[in-house]
N, C-alpha and C. Protein backbone atom coordinates (compact mmCIF):
# COMPACT_ATOMS: atom_id res chain seq x y z
N MET A 1 22.84 115.06 132.40
CA MET A 1 22.73 116.28 133.18
C MET A 1 23.42 116.06 134.52
N SER A 2 24.09 117.08 135.03
CA SER A 2 24.82 116.92 136.28
C SER A 2 23.91 117.18 137.48
N GLU A 3 24.21 116.48 138.55
CA GLU A 3 23.44 116.63 139.78
C GLU A 3 23.94 117.81 140.59
N LEU A 4 23.03 118.36 141.40
CA LEU A 4 23.38 119.44 142.31
C LEU A 4 23.48 118.89 143.72
N SER A 5 24.37 119.46 144.50
CA SER A 5 24.45 119.11 145.92
C SER A 5 23.70 120.20 146.68
N ILE A 6 22.65 119.79 147.40
CA ILE A 6 21.87 120.74 148.18
C ILE A 6 21.70 120.20 149.60
N LYS A 7 21.26 121.06 150.48
CA LYS A 7 20.93 120.65 151.85
C LYS A 7 19.50 121.08 152.13
N ILE A 8 18.73 120.16 152.66
CA ILE A 8 17.35 120.44 153.05
C ILE A 8 17.31 120.37 154.57
N ARG A 9 16.78 121.41 155.21
CA ARG A 9 16.71 121.46 156.67
C ARG A 9 15.34 120.96 157.11
N ILE A 10 15.36 119.91 157.93
CA ILE A 10 14.14 119.31 158.46
C ILE A 10 14.33 119.14 159.96
N ALA A 11 13.43 119.73 160.73
CA ALA A 11 13.45 119.61 162.19
C ALA A 11 14.83 119.95 162.76
N ASP A 12 15.36 121.07 162.33
CA ASP A 12 16.64 121.59 162.82
C ASP A 12 17.85 120.73 162.46
N ARG A 13 17.71 119.90 161.45
CA ARG A 13 18.84 119.11 160.97
C ARG A 13 18.97 119.29 159.48
N ASP A 14 20.20 119.37 159.00
CA ASP A 14 20.45 119.48 157.57
C ASP A 14 20.65 118.09 156.97
N TYR A 15 20.01 117.90 155.83
CA TYR A 15 20.13 116.63 155.12
C TYR A 15 20.71 116.92 153.73
N PRO A 16 21.95 116.48 153.50
CA PRO A 16 22.55 116.69 152.18
C PRO A 16 21.93 115.75 151.15
N MET A 17 21.72 116.28 149.97
CA MET A 17 21.12 115.49 148.90
C MET A 17 21.81 115.83 147.58
N ARG A 18 21.82 114.87 146.70
CA ARG A 18 22.25 115.11 145.33
C ARG A 18 21.01 114.95 144.47
N VAL A 19 20.68 116.01 143.74
CA VAL A 19 19.43 116.03 142.99
C VAL A 19 19.66 116.54 141.57
N GLU A 20 18.76 116.17 140.70
CA GLU A 20 18.77 116.72 139.35
C GLU A 20 18.29 118.17 139.43
N PRO A 21 18.82 119.04 138.59
CA PRO A 21 18.42 120.45 138.64
C PRO A 21 16.91 120.66 138.56
N GLN A 22 16.21 119.86 137.77
CA GLN A 22 14.77 120.04 137.62
C GLN A 22 13.99 119.64 138.90
N ASP A 23 14.65 118.91 139.80
CA ASP A 23 13.99 118.48 141.04
C ASP A 23 14.29 119.41 142.22
N GLU A 24 15.25 120.30 142.05
CA GLU A 24 15.69 121.12 143.18
C GLU A 24 14.56 121.95 143.80
N GLU A 25 13.86 122.71 143.02
CA GLU A 25 12.83 123.60 143.58
C GLU A 25 11.72 122.80 144.26
N ARG A 26 11.34 121.68 143.66
CA ARG A 26 10.29 120.84 144.25
C ARG A 26 10.72 120.32 145.62
N LEU A 27 11.97 119.89 145.74
CA LEU A 27 12.46 119.38 147.02
C LEU A 27 12.62 120.49 148.05
N ARG A 28 13.06 121.64 147.61
CA ARG A 28 13.17 122.78 148.54
C ARG A 28 11.77 123.19 149.04
N MET A 29 10.80 123.20 148.15
CA MET A 29 9.42 123.53 148.54
C MET A 29 8.89 122.48 149.51
N ALA A 30 9.17 121.22 149.25
CA ALA A 30 8.74 120.15 150.17
C ALA A 30 9.36 120.36 151.55
N GLY A 31 10.62 120.75 151.59
CA GLY A 31 11.28 121.03 152.87
C GLY A 31 10.62 122.19 153.61
N ARG A 32 10.27 123.24 152.87
CA ARG A 32 9.60 124.39 153.50
C ARG A 32 8.22 123.99 154.01
N LEU A 33 7.48 123.25 153.21
CA LEU A 33 6.15 122.81 153.63
C LEU A 33 6.23 121.90 154.86
N LEU A 34 7.23 121.05 154.89
CA LEU A 34 7.41 120.18 156.05
C LEU A 34 7.71 121.01 157.30
N GLY A 35 8.53 122.03 157.15
CA GLY A 35 8.81 122.93 158.27
C GLY A 35 7.54 123.60 158.78
N GLU A 36 6.68 124.01 157.86
CA GLU A 36 5.41 124.63 158.25
C GLU A 36 4.51 123.64 158.98
N ARG A 37 4.48 122.41 158.49
CA ARG A 37 3.66 121.37 159.14
C ARG A 37 4.18 121.07 160.54
N ILE A 38 5.49 121.04 160.71
CA ILE A 38 6.08 120.80 162.03
C ILE A 38 5.61 121.89 162.99
N LYS A 39 5.70 123.12 162.56
CA LYS A 39 5.27 124.24 163.40
C LYS A 39 3.78 124.13 163.73
N GLU A 40 2.97 123.80 162.71
CA GLU A 40 1.53 123.65 162.89
C GLU A 40 1.19 122.55 163.89
N PHE A 41 1.81 121.40 163.75
CA PHE A 41 1.54 120.28 164.65
C PHE A 41 2.03 120.58 166.07
N ARG A 42 3.17 121.25 166.17
CA ARG A 42 3.71 121.61 167.49
C ARG A 42 2.72 122.53 168.21
N GLU A 43 2.18 123.51 167.50
CA GLU A 43 1.24 124.45 168.11
C GLU A 43 -0.13 123.81 168.37
N GLN A 44 -0.60 123.03 167.41
CA GLN A 44 -1.95 122.46 167.51
C GLN A 44 -2.04 121.34 168.54
N TYR A 45 -1.03 120.50 168.62
CA TYR A 45 -1.09 119.33 169.48
C TYR A 45 -0.16 119.41 170.70
N GLY A 46 0.67 120.43 170.76
CA GLY A 46 1.57 120.57 171.89
C GLY A 46 2.69 119.53 171.90
N ILE A 47 2.97 118.94 170.76
CA ILE A 47 4.03 117.93 170.66
C ILE A 47 5.37 118.65 170.53
N GLN A 48 6.34 118.25 171.34
CA GLN A 48 7.66 118.88 171.29
C GLN A 48 8.73 117.95 170.71
N ASP A 49 8.55 116.65 170.93
CA ASP A 49 9.54 115.67 170.46
C ASP A 49 9.54 115.64 168.93
N LYS A 50 10.70 115.85 168.34
CA LYS A 50 10.79 115.94 166.88
C LYS A 50 10.42 114.63 166.19
N GLN A 51 10.81 113.52 166.78
CA GLN A 51 10.47 112.22 166.18
C GLN A 51 8.96 112.02 166.19
N ASP A 52 8.31 112.38 167.30
CA ASP A 52 6.85 112.27 167.38
C ASP A 52 6.18 113.19 166.36
N LEU A 53 6.70 114.42 166.23
CA LEU A 53 6.15 115.35 165.25
C LEU A 53 6.25 114.78 163.84
N LEU A 54 7.43 114.29 163.50
CA LEU A 54 7.63 113.75 162.15
C LEU A 54 6.77 112.52 161.91
N ALA A 55 6.60 111.68 162.92
CA ALA A 55 5.76 110.49 162.77
C ALA A 55 4.30 110.89 162.54
N MET A 56 3.82 111.87 163.30
CA MET A 56 2.43 112.33 163.14
C MET A 56 2.22 112.98 161.77
N ILE A 57 3.19 113.73 161.32
CA ILE A 57 3.10 114.37 160.01
C ILE A 57 3.12 113.32 158.91
N ALA A 58 3.98 112.31 159.06
CA ALA A 58 4.03 111.22 158.07
C ALA A 58 2.69 110.50 158.00
N LEU A 59 2.10 110.22 159.14
CA LEU A 59 0.81 109.54 159.19
C LEU A 59 -0.27 110.40 158.53
N SER A 60 -0.31 111.66 158.88
CA SER A 60 -1.31 112.58 158.32
C SER A 60 -1.14 112.71 156.81
N THR A 61 0.09 112.84 156.36
CA THR A 61 0.38 112.97 154.93
C THR A 61 -0.04 111.72 154.16
N MET A 62 0.25 110.56 154.72
CA MET A 62 -0.11 109.31 154.05
C MET A 62 -1.63 109.16 154.00
N ALA A 63 -2.32 109.51 155.08
CA ALA A 63 -3.79 109.44 155.10
C ALA A 63 -4.37 110.37 154.03
N ASP A 64 -3.82 111.58 153.91
CA ASP A 64 -4.27 112.51 152.88
C ASP A 64 -4.03 111.95 151.49
N ARG A 65 -2.88 111.34 151.30
CA ARG A 65 -2.55 110.77 149.99
C ARG A 65 -3.50 109.64 149.62
N LEU A 66 -3.83 108.80 150.59
CA LEU A 66 -4.77 107.71 150.33
C LEU A 66 -6.16 108.25 149.99
N LYS A 67 -6.57 109.30 150.68
CA LYS A 67 -7.87 109.92 150.41
C LYS A 67 -7.91 110.47 148.99
N VAL A 68 -6.87 111.18 148.60
CA VAL A 68 -6.80 111.76 147.25
C VAL A 68 -6.79 110.64 146.21
N SER A 69 -6.05 109.58 146.48
CA SER A 69 -5.98 108.46 145.55
C SER A 69 -7.35 107.81 145.38
N LYS A 70 -8.07 107.64 146.47
CA LYS A 70 -9.40 107.04 146.41
C LYS A 70 -10.36 107.94 145.64
N GLU A 71 -10.28 109.26 145.90
CA GLU A 71 -11.14 110.20 145.18
C GLU A 71 -10.82 110.19 143.69
N LYS A 72 -9.53 110.10 143.36
CA LYS A 72 -9.11 110.06 141.96
C LYS A 72 -9.64 108.81 141.28
N ASP A 73 -9.58 107.68 141.99
CA ASP A 73 -10.10 106.44 141.42
C ASP A 73 -11.59 106.57 141.14
N GLY A 74 -12.32 107.20 142.04
CA GLY A 74 -13.76 107.42 141.84
C GLY A 74 -14.02 108.31 140.65
N THR A 75 -13.22 109.36 140.51
CA THR A 75 -13.35 110.28 139.38
C THR A 75 -13.03 109.56 138.08
N ASP A 76 -11.97 108.74 138.09
CA ASP A 76 -11.61 107.97 136.89
C ASP A 76 -12.74 107.05 136.47
N THR A 77 -13.39 106.42 137.44
CA THR A 77 -14.49 105.51 137.13
C THR A 77 -15.65 106.26 136.49
N VAL A 78 -16.00 107.41 137.06
CA VAL A 78 -17.09 108.22 136.51
C VAL A 78 -16.75 108.66 135.10
N LEU A 79 -15.53 109.13 134.88
CA LEU A 79 -15.14 109.56 133.54
C LEU A 79 -15.16 108.41 132.54
N THR A 80 -14.71 107.26 132.97
CA THR A 80 -14.72 106.09 132.09
C THR A 80 -16.14 105.73 131.68
N GLU A 81 -17.06 105.76 132.65
CA GLU A 81 -18.46 105.46 132.35
C GLU A 81 -19.04 106.49 131.40
N ARG A 82 -18.75 107.75 131.62
CA ARG A 82 -19.27 108.80 130.74
C ARG A 82 -18.70 108.68 129.33
N LEU A 83 -17.43 108.38 129.22
CA LEU A 83 -16.82 108.21 127.91
C LEU A 83 -17.41 107.01 127.18
N ALA A 84 -17.69 105.94 127.91
CA ALA A 84 -18.30 104.76 127.29
C ALA A 84 -19.70 105.11 126.78
N ARG A 85 -20.46 105.87 127.56
CA ARG A 85 -21.81 106.29 127.15
C ARG A 85 -21.73 107.21 125.93
N LEU A 86 -20.78 108.13 125.91
CA LEU A 86 -20.59 109.03 124.77
C LEU A 86 -20.21 108.23 123.53
N ASP A 87 -19.37 107.23 123.71
CA ASP A 87 -18.97 106.37 122.60
C ASP A 87 -20.18 105.64 122.02
N GLU A 88 -21.06 105.16 122.89
CA GLU A 88 -22.29 104.51 122.45
C GLU A 88 -23.16 105.47 121.63
N LEU A 89 -23.30 106.68 122.15
CA LEU A 89 -24.12 107.67 121.45
C LEU A 89 -23.54 108.01 120.09
N LEU A 90 -22.22 108.20 120.06
CA LEU A 90 -21.57 108.55 118.79
C LEU A 90 -21.59 107.39 117.80
N SER A 91 -21.58 106.18 118.30
CA SER A 91 -21.63 105.01 117.41
C SER A 91 -22.95 104.95 116.65
N GLY A 92 -23.99 105.50 117.25
CA GLY A 92 -25.32 105.50 116.61
C GLY A 92 -25.55 106.63 115.65
N VAL A 93 -24.61 107.58 115.59
CA VAL A 93 -24.77 108.73 114.70
C VAL A 93 -24.36 108.34 113.29
N VAL A 94 -25.22 108.67 112.34
CA VAL A 94 -24.93 108.38 110.95
C VAL A 94 -24.62 109.72 110.27
N LEU A 95 -23.45 109.78 109.67
CA LEU A 95 -23.05 110.99 108.97
C LEU A 95 -23.56 110.93 107.53
N VAL A 96 -24.08 112.03 107.07
CA VAL A 96 -24.63 112.08 105.72
C VAL A 96 -23.71 112.81 104.81
């Protein structure tokens, strides 16, 4: 499959990228969401420096990702335990 040449605008700068067609919309959406976060952080914290804004957004995004990952691990553990218990129960069932 051929790659597309696109530009994503982040903090008033264009970044050229070559992407697979199936990744284009996801990357464009990420660029829009990043623009919204920049505006949000600028208004909420009064930060004007673009590098500072991007650093704060990167930190916040990574913290959110770690939180989601930890929650997912907890959910996986609970599901694994429940499946093991269900397996035990089903092992004791005798079909007639």
